[in-house]
Amino acid sequence: MLEFCKSEEFLAAIFVLLGQLGRFGIDDGGYQQTGVAELRCSLSRILEASITEKRSIPTQFSAVGAVLNLLPFNFEEIAGHRELSQDASEYGYVMQVKKWFSHLSMEQQAMSFDLFR
């Protein structure tokens, strides 16, 4: 469904909604609950596609925010220079967010810290 969405605003809203729905699942059953893990995986694939398709920065921020909602780490831990355990099942998602962050301009990086604080 998301691949056919041409409206960046609508797509960004969907990401925000999915991230919030995922938080409800985490509150109910934890980070490793099957539904949460599947949603995290799906959002990760969508995030990767939104980066390679050069979606707008607000859409990318919304996708990253949705993924962050499903991780047990905050953005400062991920994007900062803090070393996170490679044993965590979420390590691949953490690395994806780090990779996304590294491709942003300095201004966009500063905005992302303000947004995800």
PDB file of N, CA and C in Angstrom:
ATOM      1  N   MET A   1       0.809  -1.188   0.000  1.00  0.00           N
ATOM      2  CA  MET A   1       0.000   0.000   0.000  1.00  0.00           C
ATOM      3  C   MET A   1       0.861   1.264   0.000  1.00  0.00           C
ATOM      4  N   LEU A   2       1.913   1.271   0.812  1.00  0.00           N
ATOM      5  CA  LEU A   2       2.729   2.469   0.935  1.00  0.00           C
ATOM      6  C   LEU A   2       3.508   2.789  -0.333  1.00  0.00           C
ATOM      7  N   GLU A   3       3.819   1.760  -1.123  1.00  0.00           N
ATOM      8  CA  GLU A   3       4.575   2.046  -2.334  1.00  0.00           C
ATOM      9  C   GLU A   3       3.756   2.816  -3.355  1.00  0.00           C
ATOM     10  N   PHE A   4       2.432   2.763  -3.240  1.00  0.00           N
ATOM     11  CA  PHE A   4       1.568   3.458  -4.175  1.00  0.00           C
ATOM     12  C   PHE A   4       1.167   4.846  -3.683  1.00  0.00           C
ATOM     13  N   CYS A   5       1.569   5.189  -2.500  1.00  0.00           N
ATOM     14  CA  CYS A   5       1.210   6.477  -1.900  1.00  0.00           C
ATOM     15  C   CYS A   5       2.077   7.570  -2.514  1.00  0.00           C
ATOM     16  N   LYS A   6       1.455   8.510  -3.172  1.00  0.00           N
ATOM     17  CA  LYS A   6       2.187   9.608  -3.818  1.00  0.00           C
ATOM     18  C   LYS A   6       2.245  10.860  -2.945  1.00  0.00           C
ATOM     19  N   SER A   7       1.340  10.970  -1.986  1.00  0.00           N
ATOM     20  CA  SER A   7       1.296  12.142  -1.117  1.00  0.00           C
ATOM     21  C   SER A   7       2.276  11.962   0.032  1.00  0.00           C
ATOM     22  N   GLU A   8       3.281  12.821   0.087  1.00  0.00           N
ATOM     23  CA  GLU A   8       4.288  12.752   1.145  1.00  0.00           C
ATOM     24  C   GLU A   8       3.664  13.008   2.515  1.00  0.00           C
ATOM     25  N   GLU A   9       2.698  13.930   2.577  1.00  0.00           N
ATOM     26  CA  GLU A   9       2.051  14.240   3.851  1.00  0.00           C
ATOM     27  C   GLU A   9       1.271  13.044   4.375  1.00  0.00           C
ATOM     28  N   PHE A  10       0.546  12.381   3.488  1.00  0.00           N
ATOM     29  CA  PHE A  10      -0.224  11.206   3.882  1.00  0.00           C
ATOM     30  C   PHE A  10       0.704  10.085   4.333  1.00  0.00           C
ATOM     31  N   LEU A  11       1.780   9.883   3.612  1.00  0.00           N
ATOM     32  CA  LEU A  11       2.744   8.845   3.960  1.00  0.00           C
ATOM     33  C   LEU A  11       3.374   9.121   5.326  1.00  0.00           C
ATOM     34  N   ALA A  12       3.736  10.368   5.571  1.00  0.00           N
ATOM     35  CA  ALA A  12       4.315  10.733   6.863  1.00  0.00           C
ATOM     36  C   ALA A  12       3.313  10.470   7.987  1.00  0.00           C
ATOM     37  N   ALA A  13       2.040  10.787   7.749  1.00  0.00           N
ATOM     38  CA  ALA A  13       0.999  10.542   8.755  1.00  0.00           C
ATOM     39  C   ALA A  13       0.842   9.052   9.038  1.00  0.00           C
ATOM     40  N   ILE A  14       0.940   8.228   8.013  1.00  0.00           N
ATOM     41  CA  ILE A  14       0.845   6.775   8.196  1.00  0.00           C
ATOM     42  C   ILE A  14       2.003   6.278   9.071  1.00  0.00           C
ATOM     43  N   PHE A  15       3.204   6.785   8.829  1.00  0.00           N
ATOM     44  CA  PHE A  15       4.354   6.380   9.642  1.00  0.00           C
ATOM     45  C   PHE A  15       4.148   6.744  11.110  1.00  0.00           C
ATOM     46  N   VAL A  16       3.667   7.953  11.355  1.00  0.00           N
ATOM     47  CA  VAL A  16       3.419   8.384  12.731  1.00  0.00           C
ATOM     48  C   VAL A  16       2.397   7.459  13.384  1.00  0.00           C
ATOM     49  N   LEU A  17       1.329   7.164  12.677  1.00  0.00           N
ATOM     50  CA  LEU A  17       0.284   6.280  13.204  1.00  0.00           C
ATOM     51  C   LEU A  17       0.829   4.885  13.498  1.00  0.00           C
ATOM     52  N   LEU A  18       1.602   4.330  12.585  1.00  0.00           N
ATOM     53  CA  LEU A  18       2.161   2.987  12.795  1.00  0.00           C
ATOM     54  C   LEU A  18       3.114   2.965  13.992  1.00  0.00           C
ATOM     55  N   GLY A  19       3.902   4.006  14.142  1.00  0.00           N
ATOM     56  CA  GLY A  19       4.799   4.084  15.292  1.00  0.00           C
ATOM     57  C   GLY A  19       4.026   4.131  16.601  1.00  0.00           C
ATOM     58  N   GLN A  20       2.940   4.877  16.628  1.00  0.00           N
ATOM     59  CA  GLN A  20       2.119   4.954  17.832  1.00  0.00           C
ATOM     60  C   GLN A  20       1.424   3.627  18.122  1.00  0.00           C
ATOM     61  N   LEU A  21       0.915   2.977  17.093  1.00  0.00           N
ATOM     62  CA  LEU A  21       0.286   1.668  17.277  1.00  0.00           C
ATOM     63  C   LEU A  21       1.296   0.657  17.814  1.00  0.00           C
ATOM     64  N   GLY A  22       2.518   0.739  17.318  1.00  0.00           N
ATOM     65  CA  GLY A  22       3.570  -0.140  17.814  1.00  0.00           C
ATOM     66  C   GLY A  22       3.858   0.093  19.288  1.00  0.00           C
ATOM     67  N   ARG A  23       3.795   1.347  19.722  1.00  0.00           N
ATOM     68  CA  ARG A  23       4.016   1.655  21.143  1.00  0.00           C
ATOM     69  C   ARG A  23       2.956   0.988  22.014  1.00  0.00           C
ATOM     70  N   PHE A  24       1.714   0.949  21.520  1.00  0.00           N
ATOM     71  CA  PHE A  24       0.660   0.261  22.274  1.00  0.00           C
ATOM     72  C   PHE A  24       1.008  -1.215  22.435  1.00  0.00           C
ATOM     73  N   GLY A  25       1.540  -1.825  21.382  1.00  0.00           N
ATOM     74  CA  GLY A  25       1.955  -3.228  21.455  1.00  0.00           C
ATOM     75  C   GLY A  25       3.085  -3.433  22.432  1.00  0.00           C
ATOM     76  N   ILE A  26       4.025  -2.508  22.458  1.00  0.00           N
ATOM     77  CA  ILE A  26       5.148  -2.598  23.406  1.00  0.00           C
ATOM     78  C   ILE A  26       4.640  -2.461  24.832  1.00  0.00           C
ATOM     79  N   ASP A  27       3.750  -1.512  25.044  1.00  0.00           N
ATOM     80  CA  ASP A  27       3.190  -1.327  26.385  1.00  0.00           C
ATOM     81  C   ASP A  27       2.443  -2.568  26.849  1.00  0.00           C
ATOM     82  N   ASP A  28       1.830  -3.251  25.911  1.00  0.00           N
ATOM     83  CA  ASP A  28       1.046  -4.438  26.250  1.00  0.00           C
ATOM     84  C   ASP A  28       1.901  -5.698  26.402  1.00  0.00           C
ATOM     85  N   GLY A  29       2.883  -5.896  25.499  1.00  0.00           N
ATOM     86  CA  GLY A  29       3.607  -7.159  25.508  1.00  0.00           C
ATOM     87  C   GLY A  29       5.117  -7.077  25.430  1.00  0.00           C
ATOM     88  N   GLY A  30       5.683  -5.891  25.334  1.00  0.00           N
ATOM     89  CA  GLY A  30       7.127  -5.748  25.297  1.00  0.00           C
ATOM     90  C   GLY A  30       7.702  -5.666  23.891  1.00  0.00           C
ATOM     91  N   TYR A  31       8.990  -5.360  23.826  1.00  0.00           N
ATOM     92  CA  TYR A  31       9.679  -5.154  22.555  1.00  0.00           C
ATOM     93  C   TYR A  31       9.777  -6.428  21.713  1.00  0.00           C
ATOM     94  N   GLN A  32       9.787  -7.583  22.350  1.00  0.00           N
ATOM     95  CA  GLN A  32       9.983  -8.832  21.617  1.00  0.00           C
ATOM     96  C   GLN A  32       8.671  -9.504  21.218  1.00  0.00           C
ATOM     97  N   GLN A  33       7.545  -8.867  21.518  1.00  0.00           N
ATOM     98  CA  GLN A  33       6.254  -9.414  21.102  1.00  0.00           C
ATOM     99  C   GLN A  33       6.271  -9.588  19.582  1.00  0.00           C
ATOM    100  N   THR A  34       5.692 -10.676  19.098  1.00  0.00           N
ATOM    101  CA  THR A  34       5.740 -11.011  17.678  1.00  0.00           C
ATOM    102  C   THR A  34       5.219  -9.891  16.791  1.00  0.00           C
ATOM    103  N   GLY A  35       4.081  -9.321  17.135  1.00  0.00           N
ATOM    104  CA  GLY A  35       3.516  -8.242  16.324  1.00  0.00           C
ATOM    105  C   GLY A  35       4.409  -7.021  16.269  1.00  0.00           C
ATOM    106  N   VAL A  36       5.034  -6.693  17.377  1.00  0.00           N
ATOM    107  CA  VAL A  36       5.940  -5.545  17.430  1.00  0.00           C
ATOM    108  C   VAL A  36       7.177  -5.827  16.582  1.00  0.00           C
ATOM    109  N   ALA A  37       7.732  -7.017  16.713  1.00  0.00           N
ATOM    110  CA  ALA A  37       8.915  -7.383  15.925  1.00  0.00           C
ATOM    111  C   ALA A  37       8.608  -7.364  14.425  1.00  0.00           C
ATOM    112  N   GLU A  38       7.438  -7.850  14.044  1.00  0.00           N
ATOM    113  CA  GLU A  38       7.055  -7.838  12.631  1.00  0.00           C
ATOM    114  C   GLU A  38       6.855  -6.414  12.120  1.00  0.00           C
ATOM    115  N   LEU A  39       6.219  -5.575  12.931  1.00  0.00           N
ATOM    116  CA  LEU A  39       6.023  -4.182  12.541  1.00  0.00           C
ATOM    117  C   LEU A  39       7.362  -3.470  12.411  1.00  0.00           C
ATOM    118  N   ARG A  40       8.285  -3.722  13.348  1.00  0.00           N
ATOM    119  CA  ARG A  40       9.620  -3.123  13.296  1.00  0.00           C
ATOM    120  C   ARG A  40      10.327  -3.532  12.004  1.00  0.00           C
ATOM    121  N   CYS A  41      10.217  -4.784  11.648  1.00  0.00           N
ATOM    122  CA  CYS A  41      10.848  -5.288  10.420  1.00  0.00           C
ATOM    123  C   CYS A  41      10.232  -4.626   9.183  1.00  0.00           C
ATOM    124  N   SER A  42       8.914  -4.533   9.162  1.00  0.00           N
ATOM    125  CA  SER A  42       8.233  -3.906   8.022  1.00  0.00           C
ATOM    126  C   SER A  42       8.594  -2.427   7.909  1.00  0.00           C
ATOM    127  N   LEU A  43       8.589  -1.734   9.021  1.00  0.00           N
ATOM    128  CA  LEU A  43       8.942  -0.314   8.998  1.00  0.00           C
ATOM    129  C   LEU A  43      10.394  -0.115   8.568  1.00  0.00           C
ATOM    130  N   SER A  44      11.251  -1.032   8.952  1.00  0.00           N
ATOM    131  CA  SER A  44      12.642  -0.950   8.550  1.00  0.00           C
ATOM    132  C   SER A  44      12.781  -1.066   7.027  1.00  0.00           C
ATOM    133  N   ARG A  45      12.054  -1.999   6.447  1.00  0.00           N
ATOM    134  CA  ARG A  45      12.083  -2.145   4.979  1.00  0.00           C
ATOM    135  C   ARG A  45      11.529  -0.889   4.302  1.00  0.00           C
ATOM    136  N   ILE A  46      10.465  -0.338   4.865  1.00  0.00           N
ATOM    137  CA  ILE A  46       9.869   0.870   4.301  1.00  0.00           C
ATOM    138  C   ILE A  46      10.823   2.048   4.444  1.00  0.00           C
ATOM    139  N   LEU A  47      11.495   2.138   5.582  1.00  0.00           N
ATOM    140  CA  LEU A  47      12.474   3.204   5.784  1.00  0.00           C
ATOM    141  C   LEU A  47      13.574   3.107   4.734  1.00  0.00           C
ATOM    142  N   GLU A  48      14.079   1.919   4.531  1.00  0.00           N
ATOM    143  CA  GLU A  48      15.132   1.728   3.525  1.00  0.00           C
ATOM    144  C   GLU A  48      14.641   2.167   2.144  1.00  0.00           C
ATOM    145  N   ALA A  49      13.423   1.795   1.804  1.00  0.00           N
ATOM    146  CA  ALA A  49      12.863   2.194   0.513  1.00  0.00           C
ATOM    147  C   ALA A  49      12.668   3.702   0.421  1.00  0.00           C
ATOM    148  N   SER A  50      12.247   4.321   1.512  1.00  0.00           N
ATOM    149  CA  SER A  50      12.027   5.771   1.471  1.00  0.00           C
ATOM    150  C   SER A  50      13.345   6.522   1.308  1.00  0.00           C
ATOM    151  N   ILE A  51      14.426   5.943   1.796  1.00  0.00           N
ATOM    152  CA  ILE A  51      15.738   6.566   1.626  1.00  0.00           C
ATOM    153  C   ILE A  51      16.211   6.405   0.188  1.00  0.00           C
ATOM    154  N   THR A  52      16.112   5.198  -0.349  1.00  0.00           N
ATOM    155  CA  THR A  52      16.590   4.962  -1.711  1.00  0.00           C
ATOM    156  C   THR A  52      15.710   5.639  -2.755  1.00  0.00           C
ATOM    157  N   GLU A  53      14.436   5.833  -2.436  1.00  0.00           N
ATOM    158  CA  GLU A  53      13.533   6.521  -3.365  1.00  0.00           C
ATOM    159  C   GLU A  53      13.610   8.035  -3.214  1.00  0.00           C
ATOM    160  N   LYS A  54      14.473   8.492  -2.328  1.00  0.00           N
ATOM    161  CA  LYS A  54      14.661   9.923  -2.088  1.00  0.00           C
ATOM    162  C   LYS A  54      13.352  10.605  -1.691  1.00  0.00           C
ATOM    163  N   ARG A  55      12.645   9.997  -0.742  1.00  0.00           N
ATOM    164  CA  ARG A  55      11.443  10.638  -0.203  1.00  0.00           C
ATOM    165  C   ARG A  55      11.861  11.918   0.518  1.00  0.00           C
ATOM    166  N   SER A  56      10.885  12.772   0.767  1.00  0.00           N
ATOM    167  CA  SER A  56      11.176  14.051   1.418  1.00  0.00           C
ATOM    168  C   SER A  56      11.739  13.831   2.825  1.00  0.00           C
ATOM    169  N   ILE A  57      12.463  14.817   3.302  1.00  0.00           N
ATOM    170  CA  ILE A  57      13.040  14.736   4.646  1.00  0.00           C
ATOM    171  C   ILE A  57      11.949  14.579   5.709  1.00  0.00           C
ATOM    172  N   PRO A  58      10.826  15.319   5.641  1.00  0.00           N
ATOM    173  CA  PRO A  58       9.776  15.080   6.644  1.00  0.00           C
ATOM    174  C   PRO A  58       9.256  13.643   6.635  1.00  0.00           C
ATOM    175  N   THR A  59       9.146  13.053   5.463  1.00  0.00           N
ATOM    176  CA  THR A  59       8.700  11.659   5.382  1.00  0.00           C
ATOM    177  C   THR A  59       9.747  10.736   5.989  1.00  0.00           C
ATOM    178  N   GLN A  60      11.020  11.000   5.698  1.00  0.00           N
ATOM    179  CA  GLN A  60      12.083  10.185   6.288  1.00  0.00           C
ATOM    180  C   GLN A  60      12.108  10.343   7.806  1.00  0.00           C
ATOM    181  N   PHE A  61      11.933  11.574   8.300  1.00  0.00           N
ATOM    182  CA  PHE A  61      11.873  11.791   9.751  1.00  0.00           C
ATOM    183  C   PHE A  61      10.723  10.996  10.362  1.00  0.00           C
ATOM    184  N   SER A  62       9.577  10.979   9.690  1.00  0.00           N
ATOM    185  CA  SER A  62       8.421  10.226  10.208  1.00  0.00           C
ATOM    186  C   SER A  62       8.705   8.732  10.233  1.00  0.00           C
ATOM    187  N   ALA A  63       9.365   8.228   9.189  1.00  0.00           N
ATOM    188  CA  ALA A  63       9.696   6.801   9.136  1.00  0.00           C
ATOM    189  C   ALA A  63      10.700   6.441  10.232  1.00  0.00           C
ATOM    190  N   VAL A  64      11.704   7.272  10.412  1.00  0.00           N
ATOM    191  CA  VAL A  64      12.694   7.029  11.467  1.00  0.00           C
ATOM    192  C   VAL A  64      12.026   7.104  12.835  1.00  0.00           C
ATOM    193  N   GLY A  65      11.158   8.076  13.018  1.00  0.00           N
ATOM    194  CA  GLY A  65      10.437   8.200  14.281  1.00  0.00           C
ATOM    195  C   GLY A  65       9.616   6.961  14.595  1.00  0.00           C
ATOM    196  N   ALA A  66       8.990   6.388  13.570  1.00  0.00           N
ATOM    197  CA  ALA A  66       8.204   5.162  13.767  1.00  0.00           C
ATOM    198  C   ALA A  66       9.108   4.008  14.191  1.00  0.00           C
ATOM    199  N   VAL A  67      10.255   3.874  13.538  1.00  0.00           N
ATOM    200  CA  VAL A  67      11.204   2.816  13.911  1.00  0.00           C
ATOM    201  C   VAL A  67      11.718   3.056  15.332  1.00  0.00           C
ATOM    202  N   LEU A  68      12.046   4.305  15.652  1.00  0.00           N
ATOM    203  CA  LEU A  68      12.546   4.623  16.992  1.00  0.00           C
ATOM    204  C   LEU A  68      11.531   4.287  18.074  1.00  0.00           C
ATOM    205  N   ASN A  69      10.253   4.468  17.774  1.00  0.00           N
ATOM    206  CA  ASN A  69       9.210   4.127  18.741  1.00  0.00           C
ATOM    207  C   ASN A  69       9.227   2.647  19.104  1.00  0.00           C
ATOM    208  N   LEU A  70       9.804   1.835  18.246  1.00  0.00           N
ATOM    209  CA  LEU A  70       9.793   0.389  18.449  1.00  0.00           C
ATOM    210  C   LEU A  70      11.136  -0.151  18.925  1.00  0.00           C
ATOM    211  N   LEU A  71      12.030   0.740  19.317  1.00  0.00           N
ATOM    212  CA  LEU A  71      13.345   0.327  19.807  1.00  0.00           C
ATOM    213  C   LEU A  71      13.499   0.697  21.285  1.00  0.00           C
ATOM    214  N   PRO A  72      14.267  -0.093  22.028  1.00  0.00           N
ATOM    215  CA  PRO A  72      14.461   0.200  23.450  1.00  0.00           C
ATOM    216  C   PRO A  72      15.545   1.247  23.709  1.00  0.00           C
ATOM    217  N   PHE A  73      15.983   1.944  22.674  1.00  0.00           N
ATOM    218  CA  PHE A  73      17.020   2.966  22.789  1.00  0.00           C
ATOM    219  C   PHE A  73      16.448   4.298  22.335  1.00  0.00           C
ATOM    220  N   ASN A  74      16.953   5.384  22.897  1.00  0.00           N
ATOM    221  CA  ASN A  74      16.509   6.686  22.402  1.00  0.00           C
ATOM    222  C   ASN A  74      17.434   7.147  21.274  1.00  0.00           C
ATOM    223  N   PHE A  75      17.021   8.195  20.584  1.00  0.00           N
ATOM    224  CA  PHE A  75      17.760   8.661  19.418  1.00  0.00           C
ATOM    225  C   PHE A  75      19.167   9.116  19.776  1.00  0.00           C
ATOM    226  N   GLU A  76      19.314   9.783  20.918  1.00  0.00           N
ATOM    227  CA  GLU A  76      20.647  10.251  21.305  1.00  0.00           C
ATOM    228  C   GLU A  76      21.603   9.091  21.537  1.00  0.00           C
ATOM    229  N   GLU A  77      21.096   7.985  22.065  1.00  0.00           N
ATOM    230  CA  GLU A  77      21.940   6.799  22.250  1.00  0.00           C
ATOM    231  C   GLU A  77      22.348   6.217  20.901  1.00  0.00           C
ATOM    232  N   ILE A  78      21.428   6.243  19.957  1.00  0.00           N
ATOM    233  CA  ILE A  78      21.692   5.639  18.647  1.00  0.00           C
ATOM    234  C   ILE A  78      22.585   6.534  17.793  1.00  0.00           C
ATOM    235  N   ALA A  79      22.227   7.794  17.648  1.00  0.00           N
ATOM    236  CA  ALA A  79      22.953   8.693  16.748  1.00  0.00           C
ATOM    237  C   ALA A  79      24.223   9.248  17.371  1.00  0.00           C
ATOM    238  N   GLY A  80      24.302   9.212  18.690  1.00  0.00           N
ATOM    239  CA  GLY A  80      25.508   9.678  19.367  1.00  0.00           C
ATOM    240  C   GLY A  80      26.633   8.673  19.196  1.00  0.00           C
ATOM    241  N   HIS A  81      27.686   8.904  19.879  1.00  0.00           N
ATOM    242  CA  HIS A  81      28.859   8.034  19.752  1.00  0.00           C
ATOM    243  C   HIS A  81      28.886   6.935  20.799  1.00  0.00           C
ATOM    244  N   ARG A  82      27.763   6.703  21.436  1.00  0.00           N
ATOM    245  CA  ARG A  82      27.694   5.660  22.452  1.00  0.00           C
ATOM    246  C   ARG A  82      27.639   4.283  21.788  1.00  0.00           C
ATOM    247  N   GLU A  83      28.424   3.371  22.293  1.00  0.00           N
ATOM    248  CA  GLU A  83      28.420   2.005  21.787  1.00  0.00           C
ATOM    249  C   GLU A  83      27.258   1.223  22.398  1.00  0.00           C
ATOM    250  N   LEU A  84      26.461   0.630  21.549  1.00  0.00           N
ATOM    251  CA  LEU A  84      25.349  -0.199  21.999  1.00  0.00           C
ATOM    252  C   LEU A  84      25.712  -1.659  21.785  1.00  0.00           C
ATOM    253  N   SER A  85      25.145  -2.509  22.574  1.00  0.00           N
ATOM    254  CA  SER A  85      25.436  -3.940  22.497  1.00  0.00           C
ATOM    255  C   SER A  85      25.078  -4.503  21.127  1.00  0.00           C
ATOM    256  N   GLN A  86      26.012  -5.205  20.526  1.00  0.00           N
ATOM    257  CA  GLN A  86      25.760  -5.852  19.241  1.00  0.00           C
ATOM    258  C   GLN A  86      24.950  -7.125  19.412  1.00  0.00           C
ATOM    259  N   ASP A  87      24.779  -7.563  20.641  1.00  0.00           N
ATOM    260  CA  ASP A  87      24.019  -8.772  20.898  1.00  0.00           C
ATOM    261  C   ASP A  87      22.516  -8.535  20.859  1.00  0.00           C
ATOM    262  N   ALA A  88      22.100  -7.291  20.975  1.00  0.00           N
ATOM    263  CA  ALA A  88      20.672  -6.980  21.007  1.00  0.00           C
ATOM    264  C   ALA A  88      20.026  -7.355  19.670  1.00  0.00           C
ATOM    265  N   SER A  89      18.819  -7.890  19.739  1.00  0.00           N
ATOM    266  CA  SER A  89      18.109  -8.277  18.520  1.00  0.00           C
ATOM    267  C   SER A  89      17.768  -7.054  17.668  1.00  0.00           C
ATOM    268  N   GLU A  90      17.821  -5.888  18.253  1.00  0.00           N
ATOM    269  CA  GLU A  90      17.499  -4.661  17.532  1.00  0.00           C
ATOM    270  C   GLU A  90      18.731  -4.019  16.888  1.00  0.00           C
ATOM    271  N   TYR A  91      19.883  -4.656  16.981  1.00  0.00           N
ATOM    272  CA  TYR A  91      21.129  -4.046  16.519  1.00  0.00           C
ATOM    273  C   TYR A  91      21.073  -3.642  15.041  1.00  0.00           C
ATOM    274  N   GLY A  92      20.490  -4.464  14.194  1.00  0.00           N
ATOM    275  CA  GLY A  92      20.384  -4.135  12.770  1.00  0.00           C
ATOM    276  C   GLY A  92      19.572  -2.877  12.534  1.00  0.00           C
ATOM    277  N   TYR A  93      18.515  -2.703  13.309  1.00  0.00           N
ATOM    278  CA  TYR A  93      17.683  -1.511  13.186  1.00  0.00           C
ATOM    279  C   TYR A  93      18.432  -0.279  13.678  1.00  0.00           C
ATOM    280  N   VAL A  94      19.193  -0.447  14.740  1.00  0.00           N
ATOM    281  CA  VAL A  94      20.016   0.643  15.266  1.00  0.00           C
ATOM    282  C   VAL A  94      21.015   1.081  14.198  1.00  0.00           C
ATOM    283  N   MET A  95      21.654   0.127  13.550  1.00  0.00           N
ATOM    284  CA  MET A  95      22.632   0.457  12.522  1.00  0.00           C
ATOM    285  C   MET A  95      21.975   1.142  11.325  1.00  0.00           C
ATOM    286  N   GLN A  96      20.756   0.761  11.014  1.00  0.00           N
ATOM    287  CA  GLN A  96      20.039   1.398   9.917  1.00  0.00           C
ATOM    288  C   GLN A  96      19.777   2.873  10.234  1.00  0.00           C
ATOM    289  N   VAL A  97      19.351   3.159  11.457  1.00  0.00           N
ATOM    290  CA  VAL A  97      19.111   4.543  11.854  1.00  0.00           C
ATOM    291  C   VAL A  97      20.428   5.324  11.848  1.00  0.00           C
ATOM    292  N   LYS A  98      21.513   4.710  12.327  1.00  0.00           N
ATOM    293  CA  LYS A  98      22.827   5.365  12.296  1.00  0.00           C
ATOM    294  C   LYS A  98      23.244   5.680  10.858  1.00  0.00           C
ATOM    295  N   LYS A  99      23.019   4.748   9.959  1.00  0.00           N
ATOM    296  CA  LYS A  99      23.373   4.947   8.554  1.00  0.00           C
ATOM    297  C   LYS A  99      22.562   6.102   7.968  1.00  0.00           C
ATOM    298  N   TRP A 100      21.257   6.109   8.235  1.00  0.00           N
ATOM    299  CA  TRP A 100      20.393   7.189   7.756  1.00  0.00           C
ATOM    300  C   TRP A 100      20.914   8.530   8.270  1.00  0.00           C
ATOM    301  N   PHE A 101      21.210   8.586   9.580  1.00  0.00           N
ATOM    302  CA  PHE A 101      21.672   9.816  10.209  1.00  0.00           C
ATOM    303  C   PHE A 101      22.974  10.306   9.580  1.00  0.00           C
ATOM    304  N   SER A 102      23.861   9.386   9.258  1.00  0.00           N
ATOM    305  CA  SER A 102      25.167   9.774   8.710  1.00  0.00           C
ATOM    306  C   SER A 102      25.049  10.413   7.323  1.00  0.00           C
ATOM    307  N   HIS A 103      23.952  10.168   6.617  1.00  0.00           N
ATOM    308  CA  HIS A 103      23.768  10.735   5.283  1.00  0.00           C
ATOM    309  C   HIS A 103      23.080  12.104   5.306  1.00  0.00           C
ATOM    310  N   LEU A 104      22.699  12.568   6.476  1.00  0.00           N
ATOM    311  CA  LEU A 104      22.048  13.871   6.585  1.00  0.00           C
ATOM    312  C   LEU A 104      23.078  14.993   6.592  1.00  0.00           C
ATOM    313  N   SER A 105      22.636  16.158   6.163  1.00  0.00           N
ATOM    314  CA  SER A 105      23.492  17.342   6.273  1.00  0.00           C
ATOM    315  C   SER A 105      23.603  17.720   7.749  1.00  0.00           C
ATOM    316  N   MET A 106      24.530  18.588   8.069  1.00  0.00           N
ATOM    317  CA  MET A 106      24.705  19.037   9.454  1.00  0.00           C
ATOM    318  C   MET A 106      23.424  19.694   9.976  1.00  0.00           C
ATOM    319  N   GLU A 107      22.778  20.484   9.138  1.00  0.00           N
ATOM    320  CA  GLU A 107      21.531  21.150   9.537  1.00  0.00           C
ATOM    321  C   GLU A 107      20.431  20.118   9.808  1.00  0.00           C
ATOM    322  N   GLN A 108      20.329  19.117   8.940  1.00  0.00           N
ATOM    323  CA  GLN A 108      19.320  18.071   9.133  1.00  0.00           C
ATOM    324  C   GLN A 108      19.631  17.228  10.371  1.00  0.00           C
ATOM    325  N   GLN A 109      20.907  16.993  10.647  1.00  0.00           N
ATOM    326  CA  GLN A 109      21.275  16.262  11.857  1.00  0.00           C
ATOM    327  C   GLN A 109      20.853  17.040  13.100  1.00  0.00           C
ATOM    328  N   ALA A 110      21.081  18.338  13.094  1.00  0.00           N
ATOM    329  CA  ALA A 110      20.674  19.167  14.228  1.00  0.00           C
ATOM    330  C   ALA A 110      19.153  19.140  14.391  1.00  0.00           C
ATOM    331  N   MET A 111      18.444  19.227  13.281  1.00  0.00           N
ATOM    332  CA  MET A 111      16.968  19.154  13.337  1.00  0.00           C
ATOM    333  C   MET A 111      16.517  17.822  13.895  1.00  0.00           C
ATOM    334  N   SER A 112      17.191  16.749  13.508  1.00  0.00           N
ATOM    335  CA  SER A 112      16.771  15.423  13.972  1.00  0.00           C
ATOM    336  C   SER A 112      16.961  15.279  15.484  1.00  0.00           C
ATOM    337  N   PHE A 113      18.040  15.847  16.024  1.00  0.00           N
ATOM    338  CA  PHE A 113      18.239  15.813  17.467  1.00  0.00           C
ATOM    339  C   PHE A 113      17.134  16.583  18.186  1.00  0.00           C
ATOM    340  N   ASP A 114      16.761  17.733  17.615  1.00  0.00           N
ATOM    341  CA  ASP A 114      15.668  18.503  18.213  1.00  0.00           C
ATOM    342  C   ASP A 114      14.338  17.768  18.126  1.00  0.00           C
ATOM    343  N   LEU A 115      14.076  17.151  17.004  1.00  0.00           N
ATOM    344  CA  LEU A 115      12.807  16.459  16.788  1.00  0.00           C
ATOM    345  C   LEU A 115      12.665  15.214  17.655  1.00  0.00           C
ATOM    346  N   PHE A 116      13.716  14.417  17.759  1.00  0.00           N
ATOM    347  CA  PHE A 116      13.636  13.126  18.445  1.00  0.00           C
ATOM    348  C   PHE A 116      14.056  13.196  19.919  1.00  0.00           C
ATOM    349  N   ARG A 117      14.276  14.363  20.420  1.00  0.00           N
ATOM    350  CA  ARG A 117      14.647  14.541  21.824  1.00  0.00           C
ATOM    351  C   ARG A 117      13.536  14.144  22.738  1.00  0.00           C
TER     352      ARG A 117
END
